[in-house]
PDB file of N, CA and C in Angstrom:
ATOM      1  N   MET A   1     -60.361 -65.813 -73.895  1.00  0.00           N
ATOM      2  CA  MET A   1     -59.449 -64.701 -73.822  1.00  0.00           C
ATOM      3  C   MET A   1     -60.129 -63.444 -74.124  1.00  0.00           C
ATOM      4  N   PRO A   2     -60.031 -62.378 -73.108  1.00  0.00           N
ATOM      5  CA  PRO A   2     -60.719 -61.073 -73.314  1.00  0.00           C
ATOM      6  C   PRO A   2     -60.178 -60.667 -74.731  1.00  0.00           C
ATOM      7  N   GLU A   3     -61.129 -59.766 -75.186  1.00  0.00           N
ATOM      8  CA  GLU A   3     -60.728 -59.064 -76.314  1.00  0.00           C
ATOM      9  C   GLU A   3     -59.849 -58.026 -75.857  1.00  0.00           C
ATOM     10  N   LYS A   4     -58.494 -57.776 -76.807  1.00  0.00           N
ATOM     11  CA  LYS A   4     -57.885 -56.655 -76.621  1.00  0.00           C
ATOM     12  C   LYS A   4     -58.310 -55.308 -76.445  1.00  0.00           C
ATOM     13  N   ARG A   5     -58.240 -54.489 -75.899  1.00  0.00           N
ATOM     14  CA  ARG A   5     -58.423 -53.256 -75.713  1.00  0.00           C
ATOM     15  C   ARG A   5     -58.398 -52.345 -77.137  1.00  0.00           C
ATOM     16  N   TRP A   6     -57.389 -52.222 -77.493  1.00  0.00           N
ATOM     17  CA  TRP A   6     -57.132 -51.607 -79.035  1.00  0.00           C
ATOM     18  C   TRP A   6     -57.239 -52.185 -80.079  1.00  0.00           C
ATOM     19  N   SER A   7     -57.803 -53.236 -80.122  1.00  0.00           N
ATOM     20  CA  SER A   7     -57.975 -53.924 -81.050  1.00  0.00           C
ATOM     21  C   SER A   7     -58.732 -53.227 -82.608  1.00  0.00           C
ATOM     22  N   GLY A   8     -58.328 -53.627 -83.626  1.00  0.00           N
ATOM     23  CA  GLY A   8     -58.849 -52.482 -84.625  1.00  0.00           C
ATOM     24  C   GLY A   8     -58.173 -51.107 -85.011  1.00  0.00           C
ATOM     25  N   ARG A   9     -57.440 -50.548 -84.045  1.00  0.00           N
ATOM     26  CA  ARG A   9     -56.811 -49.244 -84.145  1.00  0.00           C
ATOM     27  C   ARG A   9     -55.592 -49.247 -85.023  1.00  0.00           C
ATOM     28  N   ARG A  10     -55.497 -48.652 -85.726  1.00  0.00           N
ATOM     29  CA  ARG A  10     -54.154 -48.328 -86.382  1.00  0.00           C
ATOM     30  C   ARG A  10     -53.170 -47.222 -86.363  1.00  0.00           C
ATOM     31  N   LEU A  11     -52.096 -47.158 -85.608  1.00  0.00           N
ATOM     32  CA  LEU A  11     -51.377 -46.263 -84.958  1.00  0.00           C
ATOM     33  C   LEU A  11     -49.942 -46.108 -85.912  1.00  0.00           C
ATOM     34  N   HIS A  12     -49.396 -45.032 -86.109  1.00  0.00           N
ATOM     35  CA  HIS A  12     -48.175 -44.469 -86.779  1.00  0.00           C
ATOM     36  C   HIS A  12     -47.488 -43.965 -85.962  1.00  0.00           C
ATOM     37  N   PHE A  13     -46.190 -44.320 -85.685  1.00  0.00           N
ATOM     38  CA  PHE A  13     -45.192 -43.468 -84.867  1.00  0.00           C
ATOM     39  C   PHE A  13     -44.086 -42.954 -85.577  1.00  0.00           C
ATOM     40  N   VAL A  14     -44.066 -41.730 -85.422  1.00  0.00           N
ATOM     41  CA  VAL A  14     -42.766 -40.857 -85.948  1.00  0.00           C
ATOM     42  C   VAL A  14     -41.522 -41.035 -85.205  1.00  0.00           C
ATOM     43  N   GLY A  15     -40.570 -41.433 -85.592  1.00  0.00           N
ATOM     44  CA  GLY A  15     -39.175 -41.392 -84.738  1.00  0.00           C
ATOM     45  C   GLY A  15     -39.293 -42.840 -83.697  1.00  0.00           C
ATOM     46  N   ILE A  16     -39.786 -43.696 -84.280  1.00  0.00           N
ATOM     47  CA  ILE A  16     -40.070 -45.132 -83.821  1.00  0.00           C
ATOM     48  C   ILE A  16     -38.802 -45.934 -83.483  1.00  0.00           C
ATOM     49  N   GLY A  17     -37.844 -45.414 -83.796  1.00  0.00           N
ATOM     50  CA  GLY A  17     -36.349 -45.746 -83.727  1.00  0.00           C
ATOM     51  C   GLY A  17     -35.696 -45.508 -82.270  1.00  0.00           C
ATOM     52  N   GLY A  18     -36.213 -44.300 -81.706  1.00  0.00           N
ATOM     53  CA  GLY A  18     -36.030 -44.081 -80.314  1.00  0.00           C
ATOM     54  C   GLY A  18     -36.398 -44.807 -79.277  1.00  0.00           C
ATOM     55  N   ALA A  19     -35.657 -44.801 -78.251  1.00  0.00           N
ATOM     56  CA  ALA A  19     -36.058 -45.487 -76.961  1.00  0.00           C
ATOM     57  C   ALA A  19     -37.422 -45.353 -76.619  1.00  0.00           C
ATOM     58  N   GLY A  20     -37.720 -44.109 -76.342  1.00  0.00           N
ATOM     59  CA  GLY A  20     -39.279 -43.916 -76.184  1.00  0.00           C
ATOM     60  C   GLY A  20     -40.508 -44.297 -77.071  1.00  0.00           C
ATOM     61  N   MET A  21     -40.176 -43.846 -78.086  1.00  0.00           N
ATOM     62  CA  MET A  21     -41.447 -44.261 -79.247  1.00  0.00           C
ATOM     63  C   MET A  21     -41.325 -45.657 -79.526  1.00  0.00           C
ATOM     64  N   SER A  22     -40.170 -46.460 -79.536  1.00  0.00           N
ATOM     65  CA  SER A  22     -40.242 -47.973 -79.833  1.00  0.00           C
ATOM     66  C   SER A  22     -41.150 -48.502 -78.526  1.00  0.00           C
ATOM     67  N   GLY A  23     -40.733 -48.202 -77.103  1.00  0.00           N
ATOM     68  CA  GLY A  23     -41.595 -48.849 -76.172  1.00  0.00           C
ATOM     69  C   GLY A  23     -43.023 -48.312 -76.051  1.00  0.00           C
ATOM     70  N   LEU A  24     -43.407 -47.106 -76.781  1.00  0.00           N
ATOM     71  CA  LEU A  24     -44.835 -46.869 -76.676  1.00  0.00           C
ATOM     72  C   LEU A  24     -45.498 -47.905 -77.953  1.00  0.00           C
ATOM     73  N   ALA A  25     -44.576 -48.052 -78.817  1.00  0.00           N
ATOM     74  CA  ALA A  25     -45.223 -49.009 -79.897  1.00  0.00           C
ATOM     75  C   ALA A  25     -45.424 -50.553 -79.673  1.00  0.00           C
ATOM     76  N   LEU A  26     -44.480 -50.716 -78.945  1.00  0.00           N
ATOM     77  CA  LEU A  26     -44.640 -52.174 -78.574  1.00  0.00           C
ATOM     78  C   LEU A  26     -45.800 -52.150 -77.377  1.00  0.00           C
ATOM     79  N   VAL A  27     -45.859 -51.561 -76.685  1.00  0.00           N
ATOM     80  CA  VAL A  27     -47.314 -51.413 -75.638  1.00  0.00           C
ATOM     81  C   VAL A  27     -48.588 -51.560 -76.488  1.00  0.00           C
ATOM     82  N   ALA A  28     -48.590 -50.581 -77.628  1.00  0.00           N
ATOM     83  CA  ALA A  28     -49.651 -50.216 -78.407  1.00  0.00           C
ATOM     84  C   ALA A  28     -49.818 -51.693 -79.163  1.00  0.00           C
ATOM     85  N   LYS A  29     -48.962 -52.528 -79.386  1.00  0.00           N
ATOM     86  CA  LYS A  29     -49.208 -53.652 -80.076  1.00  0.00           C
ATOM     87  C   LYS A  29     -49.589 -54.701 -79.078  1.00  0.00           C
ATOM     88  N   ALA A  30     -49.041 -54.831 -78.143  1.00  0.00           N
ATOM     89  CA  ALA A  30     -49.428 -55.768 -76.989  1.00  0.00           C
ATOM     90  C   ALA A  30     -50.774 -55.577 -76.525  1.00  0.00           C
ATOM     91  N   LEU A  31     -51.594 -54.375 -76.749  1.00  0.00           N
ATOM     92  CA  LEU A  31     -53.076 -54.011 -76.542  1.00  0.00           C
ATOM     93  C   LEU A  31     -53.772 -54.353 -77.671  1.00  0.00           C
ATOM     94  N   GLY A  32     -52.968 -54.812 -78.831  1.00  0.00           N
ATOM     95  CA  GLY A  32     -53.912 -54.952 -80.180  1.00  0.00           C
ATOM     96  C   GLY A  32     -53.908 -54.264 -81.336  1.00  0.00           C
ATOM     97  N   ALA A  33     -53.239 -52.971 -80.993  1.00  0.00           N
ATOM     98  CA  ALA A  33     -53.293 -52.007 -82.133  1.00  0.00           C
ATOM     99  C   ALA A  33     -52.679 -52.779 -83.100  1.00  0.00           C
ATOM    100  N   LYS A  34     -52.519 -51.965 -84.286  1.00  0.00           N
ATOM    101  CA  LYS A  34     -51.815 -52.553 -85.655  1.00  0.00           C
ATOM    102  C   LYS A  34     -50.861 -51.320 -85.814  1.00  0.00           C
ATOM    103  N   VAL A  35     -49.555 -51.483 -85.649  1.00  0.00           N
ATOM    104  CA  VAL A  35     -48.693 -50.444 -85.440  1.00  0.00           C
ATOM    105  C   VAL A  35     -47.377 -50.579 -86.836  1.00  0.00           C
ATOM    106  N   THR A  36     -47.515 -49.362 -87.329  1.00  0.00           N
ATOM    107  CA  THR A  36     -46.405 -48.829 -88.143  1.00  0.00           C
ATOM    108  C   THR A  36     -45.710 -47.854 -87.835  1.00  0.00           C
ATOM    109  N   GLY A  37     -44.483 -47.420 -88.146  1.00  0.00           N
ATOM    110  CA  GLY A  37     -43.488 -46.330 -87.789  1.00  0.00           C
ATOM    111  C   GLY A  37     -42.510 -46.063 -88.861  1.00  0.00           C
ATOM    112  N   SER A  38     -41.894 -44.836 -88.662  1.00  0.00           N
ATOM    113  CA  SER A  38     -41.062 -44.399 -89.473  1.00  0.00           C
ATOM    114  C   SER A  38     -39.856 -43.817 -88.457  1.00  0.00           C
ATOM    115  N   ASP A  39     -38.748 -43.547 -89.295  1.00  0.00           N
ATOM    116  CA  ASP A  39     -37.793 -42.751 -88.488  1.00  0.00           C
ATOM    117  C   ASP A  39     -36.831 -42.427 -89.664  1.00  0.00           C
ATOM    118  N   ARG A  40     -36.008 -41.274 -89.466  1.00  0.00           N
ATOM    119  CA  ARG A  40     -35.017 -40.869 -90.391  1.00  0.00           C
ATOM    120  C   ARG A  40     -33.982 -41.859 -90.731  1.00  0.00           C
ATOM    121  N   SER A  41     -33.371 -42.051 -91.816  1.00  0.00           N
ATOM    122  CA  SER A  41     -32.210 -42.583 -91.979  1.00  0.00           C
ATOM    123  C   SER A  41     -31.124 -41.621 -92.254  1.00  0.00           C
ATOM    124  N   GLU A  42     -29.686 -42.341 -91.384  1.00  0.00           N
ATOM    125  CA  GLU A  42     -28.609 -41.279 -91.529  1.00  0.00           C
ATOM    126  C   GLU A  42     -27.477 -41.935 -92.307  1.00  0.00           C
TER     127      GLU A  42
END
């Protein structure tokens, strides 16, 4: 299996609960990045 492109990268998404950011986070995770995120609570 080939090495993932973003293996070893760490990404933090602000506003990860939204439709756009959550999609970006899923793609980054699929590419091998370690993903974290935050969103404001109401």
